[in-house]
Structure formats: C-alpha cells, structure tokens
Amino acid sequence: MRSLSTRASSEAAYAARLRRAIRERYGARAWILKVHGGPFQAGGVPDFILCLEGCFIAIELKRPGKYLTPRQDVTVRRIILAGGEVLVVRTDESVYDVLGRIESAREAILSSMLFEGHRSQRERNFTQREDPALPV
C-alpha cells in the first residue's frame, strides 16, 4: 500500500505536469492558478482556476476511485450556472487528453455565448430542475 505522502506527491507531480502543459500550449492566452486549500479558504473550490481566452474553466483533480464531495458538487453547479465549465480530471488520465478536454470546454463556452445568449444547455438543465442546494 502506498503511503499518503506518496499519493499526495504523485497528485502534486500530475498537477505540475498539467500546469506546465497548459502554459506551453496556450502561453499568454491562458491564466492559471493552482488553489492550495487552507483553513481560511471557502470549501469546495476546484484545484485549478483557468481563464483561457476569456473563458472560465475550473479543474478538479481526483485520484482514481475518488469522487466529488457534496460541497465540491455544489461549487461545480454554481460555476456552471455562472457560465463556466468544470472538468473533473482523474490523475491517471493523459495530460494531453486533458488539454483536448480543455479545448472542448472553451469551445462549448464560446458557442453558448455566441448562439445562446450566454445560456448553455447545461445551465438550462440545472435551472429547469429545482435544486435546494443552490440559491435562487
């Protein structure tokens, strides 16, 4: 069994590779922030905040077999309602596959802004059903 520090370091190494790949591919067109949780931070904030050519994309890293916490799920829903995109990335997923998912998320945001007046299909799905966890 791997120790907690080994798992944490492998997740940290994956995060570093992902951040480096985003910077190499997009350069100045992308702003990325690695969020380091702490006692004074709001809970549920994704691991990365990315602004790519004006599109807000949040990225949450998860080890295989792990899932979003209820607090993270609420945060994901709020980001989507605000017009952003969220990627949940497994740390065993290829960084290059993640870059493709980032590009798809950017395109989804841009197309929703262009063709749907800033309302994405996912946003309509969330607002059509009543969710007590989200403020009205």
Protein backbone atom coordinates (compact mmCIF):
# COMPACT_ATOMS: atom_id res chain seq x y z
CA MET A 1 0.00 0.00 0.00
CA ARG A 2 1.32 3.42 -0.94
CA SER A 3 1.74 5.97 1.78
CA LEU A 4 -0.31 9.13 1.95
CA SER A 5 2.73 11.26 1.14
CA THR A 6 3.44 9.16 -1.99
CA ARG A 7 -0.14 9.59 -3.20
CA ALA A 8 -0.05 13.31 -2.43
CA SER A 9 3.26 13.75 -4.21
CA SER A 10 2.02 11.88 -7.28
CA GLU A 11 -1.02 14.16 -7.39
CA ALA A 12 1.27 17.17 -6.97
CA ALA A 13 3.50 15.88 -9.78
CA TYR A 14 0.45 15.43 -12.02
CA ALA A 15 -0.72 18.96 -11.18
CA ALA A 16 2.71 20.35 -12.07
CA ARG A 17 2.72 18.47 -15.42
CA LEU A 18 -0.78 19.72 -16.22
CA ARG A 19 0.06 23.34 -15.37
CA ARG A 20 3.25 23.15 -17.45
CA ALA A 21 1.39 21.64 -20.43
CA ILE A 22 -1.28 24.38 -20.29
CA ARG A 23 1.37 27.11 -20.18
CA GLU A 24 3.30 25.54 -23.06
CA ARG A 25 0.23 25.12 -25.27
CA TYR A 26 -1.54 28.42 -24.59
CA GLY A 27 1.16 30.80 -23.33
CA ALA A 28 -0.20 34.27 -22.60
CA ARG A 29 -3.69 33.29 -23.80
CA ALA A 30 -4.18 31.38 -20.53
CA TRP A 31 -4.05 32.42 -16.89
CA ILE A 32 -3.94 29.52 -14.46
CA LEU A 33 -3.99 29.41 -10.68
CA LYS A 34 -3.32 26.32 -8.55
CA VAL A 35 -5.54 26.61 -5.49
CA HIS A 36 -3.92 25.42 -2.28
CA GLY A 37 -6.62 24.75 0.29
CA GLY A 38 -6.36 26.07 3.79
CA PRO A 39 -8.43 26.84 6.86
CA PHE A 40 -9.38 30.32 5.63
CA GLN A 41 -10.50 29.26 2.16
CA ALA A 42 -14.07 28.51 1.15
CA GLY A 43 -14.66 24.77 0.85
CA GLY A 44 -15.21 23.01 -2.44
CA VAL A 45 -13.02 25.28 -4.59
CA PRO A 46 -11.53 23.33 -7.53
CA ASP A 47 -7.79 22.62 -7.70
CA PHE A 48 -7.18 24.87 -10.72
CA ILE A 49 -8.83 28.06 -11.90
CA LEU A 50 -8.17 28.69 -15.59
CA CYS A 51 -9.08 31.68 -17.71
CA LEU A 52 -8.49 30.73 -21.34
CA GLU A 53 -9.16 33.45 -23.88
CA GLY A 54 -11.91 34.88 -21.69
CA CYS A 55 -13.45 31.51 -20.80
CA PHE A 56 -13.64 30.38 -17.17
CA ILE A 57 -12.70 26.72 -16.71
CA ALA A 58 -12.26 25.08 -13.31
CA ILE A 59 -10.35 21.82 -12.99
CA GLU A 60 -10.70 19.41 -10.08
CA LEU A 61 -8.11 16.63 -9.80
CA LYS A 62 -9.24 13.29 -8.39
CA ARG A 63 -7.35 10.08 -7.86
CA PRO A 64 -8.94 7.01 -9.49
CA GLY A 65 -11.86 5.76 -7.44
CA LYS A 66 -12.42 9.11 -5.69
CA TYR A 67 -15.44 11.35 -6.30
CA LEU A 68 -16.55 14.92 -5.71
CA THR A 69 -17.60 15.73 -2.17
CA PRO A 70 -21.10 17.19 -1.70
CA ARG A 71 -19.55 20.64 -1.15
CA GLN A 72 -17.50 20.31 -4.36
CA ASP A 73 -20.63 19.23 -6.24
CA VAL A 74 -22.45 22.39 -5.14
CA THR A 75 -19.48 24.52 -6.23
CA VAL A 76 -19.42 22.77 -9.63
CA ARG A 77 -23.11 23.52 -10.12
CA ARG A 78 -22.62 27.18 -9.20
CA ILE A 79 -19.74 27.57 -11.66
CA ILE A 80 -21.84 26.04 -14.44
CA LEU A 81 -24.81 28.28 -13.60
CA ALA A 82 -22.48 31.27 -13.85
CA GLY A 83 -21.48 30.23 -17.38
CA GLY A 84 -18.18 28.48 -16.67
CA GLU A 85 -17.12 24.92 -17.31
CA VAL A 86 -15.74 22.36 -14.87
CA LEU A 87 -13.52 19.41 -15.67
CA VAL A 88 -13.09 16.57 -13.19
CA VAL A 89 -9.77 15.02 -14.14
CA ARG A 90 -8.51 11.63 -12.97
CA THR A 91 -4.81 11.66 -12.18
CA ASP A 92 -4.30 8.57 -14.34
CA GLU A 93 -5.62 10.43 -17.40
CA SER A 94 -3.15 11.61 -20.03
CA VAL A 95 -2.27 15.29 -19.72
CA TYR A 96 -2.71 15.57 -23.48
CA ASP A 97 -6.24 14.15 -23.23
CA VAL A 98 -6.96 16.80 -20.60
CA LEU A 99 -5.70 19.51 -22.97
CA GLY A 100 -8.23 18.24 -25.50
CA ARG A 101 -10.99 18.41 -22.89
CA ILE A 102 -9.95 21.97 -22.02
CA GLU A 103 -10.21 22.94 -25.68
CA SER A 104 -13.66 21.33 -25.90
CA ALA A 105 -14.78 23.22 -22.78
CA ARG A 106 -13.53 26.51 -24.24
CA GLU A 107 -15.42 25.84 -27.47
CA ALA A 108 -18.59 24.97 -25.53
CA ILE A 109 -18.42 28.25 -23.63
CA LEU A 110 -17.79 30.28 -26.78
CA SER A 111 -20.60 28.60 -28.70
CA SER A 112 -23.05 29.11 -25.83
CA MET A 113 -22.10 32.79 -25.70
CA LEU A 114 -22.45 33.19 -29.45
CA PHE A 115 -25.56 31.16 -30.16
CA GLU A 116 -27.47 31.03 -26.91
CA GLY A 117 -27.02 34.41 -25.31
CA HIS A 118 -24.68 33.16 -22.56
CA ARG A 119 -27.01 30.33 -21.53
CA SER A 120 -25.57 26.88 -22.10
CA GLN A 121 -27.59 23.69 -22.34
CA ARG A 122 -26.11 22.57 -19.04
CA GLU A 123 -27.22 25.81 -17.40
CA ARG A 124 -30.78 25.32 -18.70
CA ASN A 125 -30.76 21.74 -17.38
CA PHE A 126 -29.72 22.94 -13.92
CA THR A 127 -32.25 25.76 -13.78
CA GLN A 128 -35.14 23.61 -15.05
CA ARG A 129 -34.97 21.30 -12.07
CA GLU A 130 -35.28 22.59 -8.58
CA ASP A 131 -32.16 22.06 -6.53
CA PRO A 132 -32.41 23.02 -2.86
CA ALA A 133 -28.62 23.22 -2.59
CA LEU A 134 -28.49 26.18 -4.95
CA PRO A 135 -29.73 29.66 -4.08
CA VAL A 136 -32.40 31.10 -6.33
